[in-house]
């Protein structure tokens, strides 16, 4: 029986997340809705099943060792 469902690439939209949770996971499975880029070779932002509140459409928190930053067009880090 399934305990955890996963998505890869980018977070799925909230309507699809709800369908995935209710229909595929029968309302009992955690969803690991990840965000990463092929070039990074691994997950960058993801919820941790049982440790992170589930939020439809959101990948939630950075994975261990990942420090995200927002940059402008010139590569300067933005606050926010």
N, C-alpha and C. Protein backbone atom coordinates (compact mmCIF):
# COMPACT_ATOMS: atom_id res chain seq x y z
N UNK A 1 0.84 -1.19 0.00
CA UNK A 1 0.00 0.00 0.00
C UNK A 1 0.87 1.25 0.00
N UNK A 2 0.40 2.27 -0.66
CA UNK A 2 1.14 3.52 -0.77
C UNK A 2 1.14 4.28 0.55
N UNK A 3 2.27 4.94 0.84
CA UNK A 3 2.37 5.80 2.02
C UNK A 3 2.78 7.22 1.63
N UNK A 4 3.56 7.34 0.56
CA UNK A 4 4.06 8.63 0.10
C UNK A 4 3.90 8.69 -1.41
N UNK A 5 3.43 9.84 -1.91
CA UNK A 5 3.34 10.10 -3.35
C UNK A 5 4.35 11.18 -3.69
N UNK A 6 4.92 11.13 -4.88
CA UNK A 6 5.90 12.13 -5.26
C UNK A 6 5.61 12.77 -6.60
N UNK A 7 6.09 13.99 -6.76
CA UNK A 7 6.10 14.68 -8.05
C UNK A 7 7.52 15.21 -8.24
N UNK A 8 7.91 15.44 -9.47
CA UNK A 8 9.27 15.93 -9.72
C UNK A 8 9.26 17.09 -10.70
N UNK A 9 10.28 17.90 -10.62
CA UNK A 9 10.45 19.02 -11.55
C UNK A 9 9.99 20.33 -10.98
N UNK A 10 8.69 20.46 -10.81
CA UNK A 10 8.11 21.68 -10.24
C UNK A 10 6.84 21.30 -9.50
N UNK A 11 6.42 22.13 -8.54
CA UNK A 11 5.19 21.82 -7.81
C UNK A 11 3.98 21.75 -8.75
N UNK A 12 3.09 20.82 -8.49
CA UNK A 12 1.85 20.73 -9.27
C UNK A 12 0.86 21.77 -8.74
N UNK A 13 -0.07 22.20 -9.58
CA UNK A 13 -1.01 23.24 -9.14
C UNK A 13 -1.94 22.69 -8.06
N UNK A 14 -2.52 23.57 -7.24
CA UNK A 14 -3.34 23.12 -6.11
C UNK A 14 -4.50 22.19 -6.48
N UNK A 15 -5.17 22.41 -7.62
CA UNK A 15 -6.27 21.52 -8.01
C UNK A 15 -5.78 20.10 -8.29
N UNK A 16 -4.67 19.99 -8.98
CA UNK A 16 -4.09 18.67 -9.27
C UNK A 16 -3.59 18.04 -7.98
N UNK A 17 -2.97 18.84 -7.11
CA UNK A 17 -2.50 18.34 -5.81
C UNK A 17 -3.66 17.72 -5.03
N UNK A 18 -4.79 18.43 -4.97
CA UNK A 18 -5.96 17.92 -4.24
C UNK A 18 -6.45 16.61 -4.85
N UNK A 19 -6.51 16.52 -6.19
CA UNK A 19 -6.92 15.29 -6.86
C UNK A 19 -5.95 14.16 -6.53
N UNK A 20 -4.66 14.44 -6.64
CA UNK A 20 -3.61 13.45 -6.36
C UNK A 20 -3.75 12.92 -4.93
N UNK A 21 -3.95 13.83 -3.97
CA UNK A 21 -4.09 13.47 -2.56
C UNK A 21 -5.36 12.65 -2.32
N UNK A 22 -6.51 13.14 -2.81
CA UNK A 22 -7.79 12.48 -2.53
C UNK A 22 -8.00 11.18 -3.31
N UNK A 23 -7.70 11.21 -4.61
CA UNK A 23 -8.01 10.06 -5.47
C UNK A 23 -6.87 9.04 -5.47
N UNK A 24 -5.68 9.45 -5.84
CA UNK A 24 -4.56 8.51 -5.93
C UNK A 24 -4.11 8.06 -4.54
N UNK A 25 -3.95 9.02 -3.62
CA UNK A 25 -3.49 8.69 -2.28
C UNK A 25 -4.58 8.36 -1.29
N UNK A 26 -5.82 8.37 -1.76
CA UNK A 26 -6.99 8.05 -0.93
C UNK A 26 -7.04 8.86 0.37
N UNK A 27 -6.51 10.10 0.33
CA UNK A 27 -6.57 11.00 1.48
C UNK A 27 -5.68 10.62 2.64
N UNK A 28 -4.75 9.69 2.43
CA UNK A 28 -3.93 9.24 3.55
C UNK A 28 -2.42 9.28 3.29
N UNK A 29 -2.02 9.62 2.08
CA UNK A 29 -0.60 9.63 1.73
C UNK A 29 -0.02 11.04 1.77
N UNK A 30 1.20 11.16 2.30
CA UNK A 30 1.93 12.42 2.19
C UNK A 30 2.31 12.62 0.72
N UNK A 31 2.43 13.88 0.33
CA UNK A 31 2.86 14.19 -1.04
C UNK A 31 4.19 14.94 -0.97
N UNK A 32 5.18 14.40 -1.63
CA UNK A 32 6.48 15.05 -1.75
C UNK A 32 6.47 15.77 -3.09
N UNK A 33 6.08 17.04 -3.06
CA UNK A 33 5.91 17.88 -4.25
C UNK A 33 7.18 18.71 -4.42
N UNK A 34 8.10 18.26 -5.26
CA UNK A 34 9.45 18.81 -5.29
C UNK A 34 9.65 19.91 -6.33
N UNK A 35 10.75 20.63 -6.19
CA UNK A 35 11.21 21.58 -7.20
C UNK A 35 12.71 21.37 -7.37
N UNK A 36 13.12 21.21 -8.63
CA UNK A 36 14.54 21.14 -8.95
C UNK A 36 14.73 21.43 -10.43
N UNK A 37 15.96 21.54 -10.85
CA UNK A 37 16.28 21.71 -12.26
C UNK A 37 17.15 20.55 -12.70
N UNK A 38 17.00 20.12 -13.93
CA UNK A 38 17.79 19.00 -14.44
C UNK A 38 19.28 19.26 -14.24
N UNK A 39 19.70 20.51 -14.44
CA UNK A 39 21.12 20.85 -14.34
C UNK A 39 21.68 20.69 -12.92
N UNK A 40 20.83 20.75 -11.91
CA UNK A 40 21.32 20.64 -10.53
C UNK A 40 21.58 19.20 -10.13
N UNK A 41 20.96 18.26 -10.82
CA UNK A 41 21.18 16.86 -10.52
C UNK A 41 20.52 16.36 -9.25
N UNK A 42 19.67 17.17 -8.65
CA UNK A 42 18.99 16.72 -7.43
C UNK A 42 17.92 17.70 -6.99
N UNK A 43 17.17 17.28 -6.00
CA UNK A 43 16.07 18.08 -5.47
C UNK A 43 16.63 19.28 -4.71
N UNK A 44 16.03 20.45 -4.91
CA UNK A 44 16.44 21.66 -4.21
C UNK A 44 15.46 22.06 -3.12
N UNK A 45 14.17 21.97 -3.42
CA UNK A 45 13.14 22.36 -2.46
C UNK A 45 12.09 21.26 -2.41
N UNK A 46 11.75 20.82 -1.19
CA UNK A 46 10.82 19.70 -1.04
C UNK A 46 10.28 19.61 0.38
N UNK A 47 9.03 19.19 0.54
CA UNK A 47 8.55 18.88 1.89
C UNK A 47 9.13 17.54 2.34
N UNK A 48 9.25 17.35 3.63
CA UNK A 48 9.68 16.07 4.18
C UNK A 48 8.47 15.38 4.79
N UNK A 49 8.10 14.21 4.29
CA UNK A 49 6.91 13.52 4.80
C UNK A 49 6.96 13.35 6.31
N UNK A 50 5.88 13.74 6.98
CA UNK A 50 5.78 13.61 8.42
C UNK A 50 6.43 14.73 9.20
N UNK A 51 7.24 15.56 8.54
CA UNK A 51 7.94 16.65 9.24
C UNK A 51 7.54 18.03 8.74
N UNK A 52 6.90 18.09 7.58
CA UNK A 52 6.50 19.35 6.97
C UNK A 52 5.00 19.35 6.74
N UNK A 53 4.34 20.44 7.11
CA UNK A 53 2.92 20.56 6.80
C UNK A 53 2.74 20.56 5.29
N UNK A 54 1.74 19.82 4.81
CA UNK A 54 1.46 19.77 3.39
C UNK A 54 0.74 21.03 2.95
N UNK A 55 1.16 21.61 1.82
CA UNK A 55 0.54 22.81 1.29
C UNK A 55 0.37 22.64 -0.22
N UNK A 56 -0.86 22.48 -0.70
CA UNK A 56 -1.08 22.28 -2.13
C UNK A 56 -0.43 23.37 -2.99
N UNK A 57 0.32 22.94 -4.01
CA UNK A 57 0.96 23.87 -4.93
C UNK A 57 2.27 24.45 -4.47
N UNK A 58 2.79 23.97 -3.33
CA UNK A 58 4.03 24.53 -2.79
C UNK A 58 5.05 23.42 -2.52
N UNK A 59 6.29 23.66 -2.91
CA UNK A 59 7.36 22.71 -2.59
C UNK A 59 7.89 22.94 -1.18
N UNK A 60 7.49 23.98 -0.53
CA UNK A 60 7.72 24.32 0.89
C UNK A 60 9.12 24.79 1.23
N UNK A 61 10.04 23.92 1.60
CA UNK A 61 11.31 24.32 2.21
C UNK A 61 12.53 23.80 1.43
N UNK A 62 13.68 24.49 1.58
CA UNK A 62 14.90 24.00 0.95
C UNK A 62 15.31 22.63 1.52
N UNK A 63 15.87 21.79 0.66
CA UNK A 63 16.41 20.51 1.08
C UNK A 63 17.69 20.76 1.87
N UNK A 64 18.12 19.77 2.63
CA UNK A 64 19.33 19.90 3.46
C UNK A 64 20.52 20.38 2.63
N UNK A 65 21.20 21.41 3.13
CA UNK A 65 22.39 21.93 2.46
C UNK A 65 22.12 22.93 1.35
N UNK A 66 20.86 23.16 1.02
CA UNK A 66 20.51 24.10 -0.05
C UNK A 66 20.18 25.46 0.57
N UNK A 67 20.80 26.51 0.07
CA UNK A 67 20.54 27.87 0.53
C UNK A 67 20.05 28.67 -0.68
N UNK A 68 18.73 28.79 -0.86
CA UNK A 68 18.22 29.50 -2.03
C UNK A 68 18.47 31.00 -1.94
N UNK A 69 18.61 31.64 -3.09
CA UNK A 69 18.79 33.09 -3.16
C UNK A 69 18.09 33.62 -4.40
N UNK A 70 17.53 34.82 -4.29
CA UNK A 70 16.93 35.51 -5.43
C UNK A 70 17.97 36.47 -5.99
N UNK A 71 18.17 36.43 -7.31
CA UNK A 71 19.15 37.30 -7.96
C UNK A 71 18.47 38.17 -9.00
N UNK A 72 18.97 39.39 -9.17
CA UNK A 72 18.44 40.24 -10.24
C UNK A 72 19.14 39.88 -11.55
N UNK A 73 18.82 40.60 -12.62
CA UNK A 73 19.36 40.30 -13.95
C UNK A 73 20.88 40.43 -14.01
N UNK A 74 21.47 41.20 -13.08
CA UNK A 74 22.92 41.38 -13.04
C UNK A 74 23.61 40.42 -12.09
N UNK A 75 22.84 39.53 -11.47
CA UNK A 75 23.43 38.55 -10.55
C UNK A 75 23.57 39.03 -9.13
N UNK A 76 23.00 40.20 -8.82
CA UNK A 76 23.06 40.70 -7.44
C UNK A 76 21.96 40.06 -6.61
N UNK A 77 22.31 39.65 -5.40
CA UNK A 77 21.33 39.01 -4.53
C UNK A 77 20.30 40.03 -4.03
N UNK A 78 19.03 39.63 -4.08
CA UNK A 78 17.93 40.47 -3.62
C UNK A 78 17.48 40.02 -2.24
N UNK A 79 17.02 40.96 -1.44
CA UNK A 79 16.44 40.62 -0.15
C UNK A 79 14.97 40.34 -0.35
N UNK A 80 14.45 39.36 0.38
CA UNK A 80 13.02 39.11 0.24
C UNK A 80 12.60 37.73 0.62
